[in-house]
């Protein structure tokens, strides 16, 4: 299942990347559902848990503004629209998994998977950047939230 989920994350990243690119290019025919279906169809024999991929893609799209608002203060030197599109989508997936998929995906796995995506698809420095941002996101958004809820 682990490698199956890794491939699922790759498909989610490809889907989110293409969707964002097409929307920013003012392609009115851009449909995240169509892009996701096409990408999942390519790997229909390799990905058993398509629901996992759909949850990531739809969850990131639904919570994108909130994810971006959480990422921005963690990477203050990089306005969200100036982060490379691939890195931005990897960060969104990672933060989404940290915040919304913690019952299914342990935090260390979410961060490690995002770093692996950055190594495979990002620039030379992407993996370090993603690791730093997600490590900070975990400390602030997950551990900080846990500590705040137990001290109240």
N, C-alpha and C. Protein backbone atom coordinates (compact mmCIF):
# COMPACT_ATOMS: atom_id res chain seq x y z
N UNK A 1 0.82 -1.20 0.00
CA UNK A 1 0.00 0.00 0.00
C UNK A 1 0.86 1.26 0.00
N UNK A 2 2.03 1.21 0.64
CA UNK A 2 2.87 2.41 0.75
C UNK A 2 3.29 2.92 -0.62
N UNK A 3 3.83 2.06 -1.47
CA UNK A 3 4.24 2.52 -2.79
C UNK A 3 3.03 2.90 -3.62
N UNK A 4 1.91 2.23 -3.38
CA UNK A 4 0.67 2.57 -4.05
C UNK A 4 0.26 3.99 -3.69
N UNK A 5 0.40 4.35 -2.43
CA UNK A 5 0.07 5.72 -2.01
C UNK A 5 1.08 6.72 -2.54
N UNK A 6 2.34 6.31 -2.65
CA UNK A 6 3.34 7.21 -3.22
C UNK A 6 2.96 7.56 -4.66
N UNK A 7 2.60 6.57 -5.43
CA UNK A 7 2.14 6.82 -6.81
C UNK A 7 0.88 7.67 -6.79
N UNK A 8 0.01 7.43 -5.83
CA UNK A 8 -1.21 8.23 -5.70
C UNK A 8 -0.90 9.70 -5.47
N UNK A 9 0.12 9.95 -4.65
CA UNK A 9 0.52 11.34 -4.40
C UNK A 9 1.10 11.97 -5.67
N UNK A 10 1.83 11.19 -6.45
CA UNK A 10 2.36 11.70 -7.71
C UNK A 10 1.20 12.10 -8.62
N UNK A 11 0.19 11.25 -8.71
CA UNK A 11 -0.98 11.56 -9.54
C UNK A 11 -1.71 12.79 -8.99
N UNK A 12 -1.83 12.89 -7.69
CA UNK A 12 -2.46 14.08 -7.09
C UNK A 12 -1.67 15.33 -7.44
N UNK A 13 -0.35 15.26 -7.34
CA UNK A 13 0.50 16.41 -7.67
C UNK A 13 0.35 16.79 -9.14
N UNK A 14 0.38 15.82 -10.01
CA UNK A 14 0.22 16.09 -11.44
C UNK A 14 -1.13 16.76 -11.71
N UNK A 15 -2.16 16.27 -11.06
CA UNK A 15 -3.50 16.81 -11.25
C UNK A 15 -3.58 18.26 -10.76
N UNK A 16 -3.09 18.50 -9.56
CA UNK A 16 -3.14 19.85 -8.99
C UNK A 16 -2.29 20.83 -9.81
N UNK A 17 -1.13 20.37 -10.26
CA UNK A 17 -0.24 21.21 -11.06
C UNK A 17 -0.92 21.60 -12.37
N UNK A 18 -1.46 20.62 -13.08
CA UNK A 18 -2.12 20.90 -14.36
C UNK A 18 -3.33 21.80 -14.17
N UNK A 19 -4.12 21.52 -13.15
CA UNK A 19 -5.31 22.33 -12.91
C UNK A 19 -4.94 23.78 -12.63
N UNK A 20 -3.97 23.99 -11.75
CA UNK A 20 -3.55 25.36 -11.43
C UNK A 20 -2.99 26.06 -12.66
N UNK A 21 -2.18 25.36 -13.44
CA UNK A 21 -1.60 25.94 -14.65
C UNK A 21 -2.70 26.38 -15.62
N UNK A 22 -3.67 25.50 -15.83
CA UNK A 22 -4.73 25.81 -16.78
C UNK A 22 -5.62 26.94 -16.29
N UNK A 23 -5.93 26.97 -15.01
CA UNK A 23 -6.75 28.06 -14.45
C UNK A 23 -6.00 29.39 -14.58
N UNK A 24 -4.71 29.40 -14.24
CA UNK A 24 -3.94 30.64 -14.34
C UNK A 24 -3.73 31.07 -15.79
N UNK A 25 -3.85 30.13 -16.71
CA UNK A 25 -3.76 30.45 -18.14
C UNK A 25 -5.12 30.82 -18.71
N UNK A 26 -6.09 30.96 -17.83
CA UNK A 26 -7.46 31.33 -18.20
C UNK A 26 -8.11 30.33 -19.15
N UNK A 27 -7.80 29.06 -18.96
CA UNK A 27 -8.43 27.98 -19.71
C UNK A 27 -9.77 27.68 -19.05
N UNK A 28 -10.84 28.16 -19.67
CA UNK A 28 -12.16 28.01 -19.09
C UNK A 28 -12.66 26.57 -19.10
N UNK A 29 -12.00 25.70 -19.86
CA UNK A 29 -12.42 24.30 -19.91
C UNK A 29 -11.74 23.45 -18.83
N UNK A 30 -10.89 24.08 -18.01
CA UNK A 30 -10.18 23.34 -16.97
C UNK A 30 -11.16 22.77 -15.96
N UNK A 31 -11.12 21.46 -15.79
CA UNK A 31 -11.98 20.77 -14.83
C UNK A 31 -11.11 19.83 -14.01
N UNK A 32 -11.05 20.07 -12.71
CA UNK A 32 -10.23 19.21 -11.87
C UNK A 32 -10.74 17.77 -11.91
N UNK A 33 -12.04 17.58 -12.03
CA UNK A 33 -12.59 16.22 -12.10
C UNK A 33 -12.13 15.51 -13.36
N UNK A 34 -12.14 16.21 -14.49
CA UNK A 34 -11.70 15.61 -15.76
C UNK A 34 -10.21 15.29 -15.72
N UNK A 35 -9.41 16.20 -15.20
CA UNK A 35 -7.96 15.99 -15.11
C UNK A 35 -7.66 14.81 -14.20
N UNK A 36 -8.32 14.77 -13.05
CA UNK A 36 -8.11 13.68 -12.10
C UNK A 36 -8.52 12.34 -12.70
N UNK A 37 -9.66 12.29 -13.35
CA UNK A 37 -10.11 11.04 -13.96
C UNK A 37 -9.12 10.56 -15.02
N UNK A 38 -8.67 11.47 -15.86
CA UNK A 38 -7.70 11.11 -16.91
C UNK A 38 -6.41 10.56 -16.29
N UNK A 39 -5.92 11.26 -15.25
CA UNK A 39 -4.69 10.82 -14.61
C UNK A 39 -4.86 9.49 -13.89
N UNK A 40 -5.99 9.29 -13.23
CA UNK A 40 -6.23 8.01 -12.55
C UNK A 40 -6.40 6.88 -13.56
N UNK A 41 -7.03 7.16 -14.69
CA UNK A 41 -7.21 6.13 -15.73
C UNK A 41 -5.86 5.62 -16.23
N UNK A 42 -4.88 6.48 -16.30
CA UNK A 42 -3.54 6.07 -16.76
C UNK A 42 -2.92 5.02 -15.84
N UNK A 43 -3.27 5.07 -14.57
CA UNK A 43 -2.66 4.19 -13.57
C UNK A 43 -3.68 3.26 -12.92
N UNK A 44 -4.74 2.94 -13.66
CA UNK A 44 -5.84 2.19 -13.05
C UNK A 44 -5.42 0.83 -12.50
N UNK A 45 -4.41 0.21 -13.08
CA UNK A 45 -3.98 -1.10 -12.57
C UNK A 45 -2.97 -0.97 -11.43
N UNK A 46 -2.40 0.21 -11.24
CA UNK A 46 -1.36 0.38 -10.22
C UNK A 46 -1.87 1.04 -8.94
N UNK A 47 -2.96 1.79 -9.02
CA UNK A 47 -3.48 2.49 -7.85
C UNK A 47 -4.81 1.86 -7.45
N UNK A 48 -4.79 1.18 -6.31
CA UNK A 48 -6.01 0.55 -5.83
C UNK A 48 -6.87 1.54 -5.05
N UNK A 49 -6.23 2.38 -4.25
CA UNK A 49 -6.94 3.30 -3.37
C UNK A 49 -7.13 4.66 -4.05
N UNK A 50 -8.00 4.70 -5.05
CA UNK A 50 -8.23 5.95 -5.77
C UNK A 50 -8.91 6.98 -4.87
N UNK A 51 -9.63 6.52 -3.86
CA UNK A 51 -10.27 7.43 -2.91
C UNK A 51 -9.25 8.28 -2.18
N UNK A 52 -8.09 7.70 -1.87
CA UNK A 52 -7.01 8.45 -1.22
C UNK A 52 -6.56 9.61 -2.10
N UNK A 53 -6.38 9.34 -3.39
CA UNK A 53 -5.95 10.36 -4.34
C UNK A 53 -7.03 11.44 -4.47
N UNK A 54 -8.27 11.01 -4.62
CA UNK A 54 -9.38 11.95 -4.74
C UNK A 54 -9.49 12.83 -3.50
N UNK A 55 -9.32 12.24 -2.31
CA UNK A 55 -9.38 13.03 -1.07
C UNK A 55 -8.32 14.11 -1.06
N UNK A 56 -7.10 13.77 -1.46
CA UNK A 56 -6.03 14.77 -1.48
C UNK A 56 -6.36 15.89 -2.46
N UNK A 57 -6.69 15.53 -3.69
CA UNK A 57 -6.94 16.54 -4.73
C UNK A 57 -8.12 17.43 -4.34
N UNK A 58 -9.23 16.83 -4.01
CA UNK A 58 -10.42 17.62 -3.70
C UNK A 58 -10.24 18.39 -2.39
N UNK A 59 -9.54 17.78 -1.43
CA UNK A 59 -9.28 18.46 -0.17
C UNK A 59 -8.38 19.67 -0.34
N UNK A 60 -7.33 19.52 -1.14
CA UNK A 60 -6.43 20.65 -1.39
C UNK A 60 -7.17 21.76 -2.13
N UNK A 61 -7.95 21.42 -3.13
CA UNK A 61 -8.71 22.43 -3.88
C UNK A 61 -9.68 23.16 -2.94
N UNK A 62 -10.41 22.40 -2.12
CA UNK A 62 -11.42 22.97 -1.23
C UNK A 62 -10.80 23.89 -0.17
N UNK A 63 -9.62 23.52 0.33
CA UNK A 63 -9.01 24.27 1.43
C UNK A 63 -7.81 25.10 0.98
N UNK A 64 -7.65 25.29 -0.31
CA UNK A 64 -6.45 25.94 -0.86
C UNK A 64 -6.18 27.31 -0.24
N UNK A 65 -7.18 28.14 -0.11
CA UNK A 65 -6.96 29.48 0.46
C UNK A 65 -6.46 29.37 1.90
N UNK A 66 -7.03 28.47 2.67
CA UNK A 66 -6.60 28.27 4.06
C UNK A 66 -5.19 27.69 4.11
N UNK A 67 -4.90 26.73 3.24
CA UNK A 67 -3.55 26.15 3.19
C UNK A 67 -2.52 27.22 2.86
N UNK A 68 -2.82 28.03 1.84
CA UNK A 68 -1.90 29.10 1.45
C UNK A 68 -1.70 30.09 2.60
N UNK A 69 -2.77 30.39 3.32
CA UNK A 69 -2.67 31.32 4.45
C UNK A 69 -1.82 30.74 5.58
N UNK A 70 -1.81 29.44 5.71
CA UNK A 70 -0.99 28.79 6.74
C UNK A 70 0.46 28.66 6.28
N UNK A 71 0.69 28.45 5.00
CA UNK A 71 2.05 28.31 4.46
C UNK A 71 2.77 29.65 4.45
N UNK A 72 2.07 30.72 4.08
CA UNK A 72 2.72 32.02 3.89
C UNK A 72 3.55 32.50 5.08
N UNK A 73 3.03 32.49 6.31
CA UNK A 73 3.86 32.98 7.42
C UNK A 73 5.03 32.05 7.76
N UNK A 74 4.94 30.81 7.34
CA UNK A 74 6.02 29.85 7.61
C UNK A 74 7.17 30.06 6.62
N UNK A 75 6.85 30.57 5.44
CA UNK A 75 7.87 30.88 4.42
C UNK A 75 7.76 32.35 4.05
N UNK A 76 8.03 33.26 5.00
CA UNK A 76 7.77 34.68 4.77
C UNK A 76 8.62 35.33 3.69
N UNK A 77 9.77 34.75 3.39
CA UNK A 77 10.62 35.33 2.34
C UNK A 77 10.10 35.01 0.94
N UNK A 78 9.11 34.13 0.87
CA UNK A 78 8.57 33.69 -0.42
C UNK A 78 7.06 33.89 -0.45
N UNK A 79 6.60 34.98 -1.05
CA UNK A 79 5.14 35.11 -1.24
C UNK A 79 4.62 33.87 -1.97
N UNK A 80 3.46 33.41 -1.57
CA UNK A 80 2.93 32.15 -2.07
C UNK A 80 2.90 32.09 -3.59
N UNK A 81 2.62 33.21 -4.25
CA UNK A 81 2.57 33.21 -5.72
C UNK A 81 3.95 33.24 -6.35
N UNK A 82 5.00 33.43 -5.53
CA UNK A 82 6.37 33.40 -6.07
C UNK A 82 7.07 32.08 -5.82
N UNK A 83 6.44 31.20 -5.04
CA UNK A 83 6.99 29.85 -4.85
C UNK A 83 6.73 29.10 -6.15
N UNK A 84 7.71 28.36 -6.60
CA UNK A 84 7.54 27.58 -7.85
C UNK A 84 6.26 26.76 -7.77
N UNK A 85 5.52 26.71 -8.86
CA UNK A 85 4.22 26.03 -8.89
C UNK A 85 4.33 24.60 -8.35
N UNK A 86 5.36 23.88 -8.72
CA UNK A 86 5.48 22.48 -8.28
C UNK A 86 5.70 22.44 -6.77
N UNK A 87 6.57 23.31 -6.26
CA UNK A 87 6.83 23.35 -4.82
C UNK A 87 5.58 23.78 -4.05
N UNK A 88 4.88 24.76 -4.58
CA UNK A 88 3.66 25.26 -3.94
C UNK A 88 2.62 24.14 -3.80
N UNK A 89 2.47 23.34 -4.84
CA UNK A 89 1.50 22.25 -4.77
C UNK A 89 1.97 21.11 -3.87
N UNK A 90 3.26 20.86 -3.83
CA UNK A 90 3.80 19.86 -2.89
C UNK A 90 3.55 20.33 -1.46
N UNK A 91 3.80 21.61 -1.18
CA UNK A 91 3.55 22.14 0.16
C UNK A 91 2.07 22.05 0.52
N UNK A 92 1.20 22.35 -0.42
CA UNK A 92 -0.23 22.25 -0.15
C UNK A 92 -0.62 20.82 0.20
N UNK A 93 -0.10 19.86 -0.56
CA UNK A 93 -0.40 18.46 -0.27
C UNK A 93 0.12 18.10 1.12
N UNK A 94 1.36 18.48 1.41
CA UNK A 94 1.95 18.15 2.71
C UNK A 94 1.19 18.76 3.87
N UNK A 95 0.86 20.04 3.79
CA UNK A 95 0.13 20.69 4.87
C UNK A 95 -1.28 20.11 4.97
N UNK A 96 -1.90 19.82 3.83
CA UNK A 96 -3.23 19.21 3.86
C UNK A 96 -3.18 17.87 4.60
N UNK A 97 -2.18 17.05 4.27
CA UNK A 97 -2.08 15.76 4.94
C UNK A 97 -1.81 15.92 6.43
N UNK A 98 -0.95 16.88 6.80
CA UNK A 98 -0.67 17.12 8.22
C UNK A 98 -1.93 17.52 8.98
N UNK A 99 -2.74 18.35 8.37
CA UNK A 99 -3.91 18.90 9.07
C UNK A 99 -5.18 18.06 8.93
N UNK A 100 -5.35 17.39 7.80
CA UNK A 100 -6.64 16.75 7.52
C UNK A 100 -6.58 15.23 7.34
N UNK A 101 -5.41 14.68 7.21
CA UNK A 101 -5.30 13.24 6.99
C UNK A 101 -4.47 12.55 8.08
N UNK A 102 -4.31 13.21 9.22
CA UNK A 102 -3.44 12.69 10.28
C UNK A 102 -3.88 11.32 10.81
N UNK A 103 -5.16 11.00 10.72
CA UNK A 103 -5.63 9.69 11.18
C UNK A 103 -5.22 8.58 10.22
N UNK A 104 -4.95 8.94 8.98
CA UNK A 104 -4.60 7.97 7.95
C UNK A 104 -3.10 8.00 7.64
N UNK A 105 -2.51 9.19 7.72
CA UNK A 105 -1.11 9.38 7.35
C UNK A 105 -0.35 9.98 8.53
N UNK A 106 0.62 9.24 9.10
CA UNK A 106 1.42 9.82 10.18
C UNK A 106 2.18 11.05 9.69
N UNK A 107 2.38 12.05 10.55
CA UNK A 107 3.05 13.29 10.14
C UNK A 107 4.42 13.06 9.48
N UNK A 108 5.23 12.17 10.03
CA UNK A 108 6.54 11.93 9.46
C UNK A 108 6.43 11.38 8.04
N UNK A 109 5.42 10.56 7.81
CA UNK A 109 5.20 10.01 6.46
C UNK A 109 4.78 11.12 5.51
N UNK A 110 3.87 11.98 5.94
CA UNK A 110 3.42 13.09 5.09
C UNK A 110 4.59 13.99 4.70
N UNK A 111 5.44 14.30 5.66
CA UNK A 111 6.60 15.17 5.38
C UNK A 111 7.59 14.44 4.47
N UNK A 112 7.90 13.20 4.77
CA UNK A 112 8.84 12.44 3.96
C UNK A 112 8.34 12.28 2.52
N UNK A 113 7.07 12.00 2.36
CA UNK A 113 6.51 11.85 1.01
C UNK A 113 6.60 13.17 0.24
N UNK A 114 6.34 14.28 0.90
CA UNK A 114 6.43 15.58 0.24
C UNK A 114 7.87 15.86 -0.18
N UNK A 115 8.82 15.52 0.68
CA UNK A 115 10.24 15.72 0.36
C UNK A 115 10.63 14.85 -0.84
N UNK A 116 10.13 13.63 -0.88
CA UNK A 116 10.43 12.74 -2.02
C UNK A 116 9.83 13.30 -3.31
N UNK A 117 8.63 13.86 -3.25
CA UNK A 117 8.04 14.50 -4.43
C UNK A 117 8.90 15.67 -4.88
N UNK A 118 9.39 16.45 -3.91
CA UNK A 118 10.23 17.61 -4.24
C UNK A 118 11.54 17.16 -4.88
N UNK A 119 12.12 16.07 -4.39
CA UNK A 119 13.35 15.55 -4.99
C UNK A 119 13.11 15.10 -6.42
N UNK A 120 11.97 14.46 -6.65
CA UNK A 120 11.68 13.91 -7.98
C UNK A 120 11.25 14.97 -8.98
N UNK A 121 10.49 15.97 -8.54
CA UNK A 121 9.87 16.89 -9.48
C UNK A 121 10.30 18.35 -9.34
N UNK A 122 10.93 18.70 -8.23
CA UNK A 122 11.32 20.08 -7.99
C UNK A 122 12.72 20.38 -8.47
N UNK A 123 13.19 21.55 -8.09
CA UNK A 123 14.55 21.97 -8.45
C UNK A 123 15.54 21.39 -7.45
N UNK A 124 16.80 21.74 -7.60
CA UNK A 124 17.85 21.21 -6.73
C UNK A 124 17.62 21.52 -5.25
N UNK A 125 17.05 22.67 -4.95
CA UNK A 125 16.85 23.07 -3.56
C UNK A 125 15.44 22.80 -3.03
N UNK A 126 14.57 22.27 -3.87
CA UNK A 126 13.17 22.08 -3.48
C UNK A 126 13.00 21.18 -2.27
N UNK A 127 13.75 20.09 -2.21
CA UNK A 127 13.54 19.15 -1.11
C UNK A 127 13.90 19.78 0.23
N UNK A 128 14.97 20.57 0.27
CA UNK A 128 15.35 21.25 1.52
C UNK A 128 14.29 22.28 1.91
N UNK A 129 13.82 23.03 0.93
CA UNK A 129 12.80 24.04 1.17
C UNK A 129 11.52 23.39 1.70
N UNK A 130 11.06 22.35 1.02
CA UNK A 130 9.83 21.65 1.43
C UNK A 130 10.00 21.04 2.82
N UNK A 131 11.14 20.42 3.07
CA UNK A 131 11.39 19.82 4.38
C UNK A 131 11.35 20.89 5.48
N UNK A 132 12.00 22.03 5.24
CA UNK A 132 12.02 23.10 6.23
C UNK A 132 10.64 23.67 6.50
N UNK A 133 9.89 23.94 5.44
CA UNK A 133 8.56 24.53 5.61
C UNK A 133 7.63 23.54 6.30
N UNK A 134 7.65 22.28 5.88
CA UNK A 134 6.74 21.30 6.49
C UNK A 134 7.14 20.95 7.91
N UNK A 135 8.44 20.94 8.20
CA UNK A 135 8.88 20.71 9.57
C UNK A 135 8.37 21.81 10.49
N UNK A 136 8.46 23.04 10.02
CA UNK A 136 7.94 24.18 10.79
C UNK A 136 6.42 24.12 10.87
N UNK A 137 5.77 23.76 9.78
CA UNK A 137 4.31 23.63 9.79
C UNK A 137 3.87 22.60 10.82
N UNK A 138 4.60 21.50 10.89
CA UNK A 138 4.25 20.47 11.88
C UNK A 138 4.39 21.02 13.30
N UNK A 139 5.50 21.67 13.58
CA UNK A 139 5.73 22.21 14.93
C UNK A 139 4.67 23.25 15.31
N UNK A 140 4.34 24.13 14.37
CA UNK A 140 3.41 25.23 14.67
C UNK A 140 1.95 24.78 14.60
N UNK A 141 1.59 24.12 13.51
CA UNK A 141 0.18 23.83 13.26
C UNK A 141 -0.32 22.55 13.92
N UNK A 142 0.56 21.58 14.11
CA UNK A 142 0.14 20.31 14.69
C UNK A 142 0.53 20.23 16.16
N UNK A 143 1.83 20.29 16.41
CA UNK A 143 2.27 20.23 17.82
C UNK A 143 1.74 21.42 18.61
N UNK A 144 1.82 22.61 18.02
CA UNK A 144 1.32 23.82 18.69
C UNK A 144 -0.17 23.74 18.98
N UNK A 145 -0.92 23.21 18.04
CA UNK A 145 -2.37 23.05 18.24
C UNK A 145 -2.66 22.01 19.32
N UNK A 146 -1.89 20.93 19.33
CA UNK A 146 -2.05 19.90 20.36
C UNK A 146 -1.76 20.47 21.74
N UNK A 147 -0.68 21.23 21.86
CA UNK A 147 -0.32 21.84 23.14
C UNK A 147 -1.36 22.86 23.59
N UNK A 148 -1.88 23.63 22.65
CA UNK A 148 -2.88 24.64 22.99
C UNK A 148 -4.17 23.99 23.49
N UNK A 149 -4.54 22.87 22.88
CA UNK A 149 -5.80 22.22 23.28
C UNK A 149 -5.67 21.50 24.61
N UNK A 150 -4.46 21.09 24.99
CA UNK A 150 -4.29 20.40 26.27
C UNK A 150 -4.07 21.37 27.42
N UNK A 151 -3.71 22.60 27.14
CA UNK A 151 -3.45 23.56 28.21
C UNK A 151 -4.68 24.42 28.52
N UNK A 152 -5.73 24.30 27.76
CA UNK A 152 -6.93 25.12 27.96
C UNK A 152 -7.78 24.55 29.04
